[in-house]
Amino acid sequence: MKICSRKIILGSGSPRRRELLAGLDVEFTVDTGNTFEESVPADAAPDEVPLLMALGKSHGFHRLLEDDELLITADTVVIVDGAVLGKPHSREEAVEMLRRLSGRDHLVVSGVVFRTCERELTSTDTTVVSVAPLDDDEITFYIDKYKPYDKAGGYGIQEWLGYASMGHIEGSFYNVMGFPVHKVWEMLKEIG
């Protein structure tokens, strides 16, 4: 099904976003060239952070868009206790993140930006994820085996930890993977 007449560029190096966009059966290329330095205003609300980041990535794209191109950028964060958990930078930080998430609910919020020469569309999606209590052996097993340093909140729901301890979600599973494909599909239909 041909839903979009434009050349789609995914401005993300995430293998999960590539896989999920490919699952919509659309043709696209990947171009991660970008000048955006990832930062947001200190007074930004936690649930605004992913859209601000996705906008920064879109406007930091390394070149001007051609008339027939569509650039898609996205960002996903985990929010617990009103704090944004990004990607862990060390094993210790990953352990601490999972201890904070253990036995609790948290939010996963994604922001998506579609940009052409003429217009810009934005969307956000929020999913509530419930995590069973985790003991230190489970946490260290997961981190040492799966090395989730490229994942917001220090975990991937599609990996062992998701199978073993995340039995209830409210919202999109794919949003928790980092790309709310149902919203992306709606945006593709809108932008044509």
Foldseek 3Di string as FASTA:
>chain_A
DDQAQAAEEEQDPDPLVVVLVVVVVDDYYYDNAFDQDDDDDPPDFQLCRFQVRQVSSVVRHPDAADQRYKYKGKFKWKADPRDTFFFDPDLVSLLVLVQRQAQAKIKMKMKMWIDHPVDIDIDMFIKIWGWYHDDSVRSCVCCVVVVQRNAHSNDALVDPRVVPTTPDMGGDSSVNNPDPVVVVVVVSNVVD
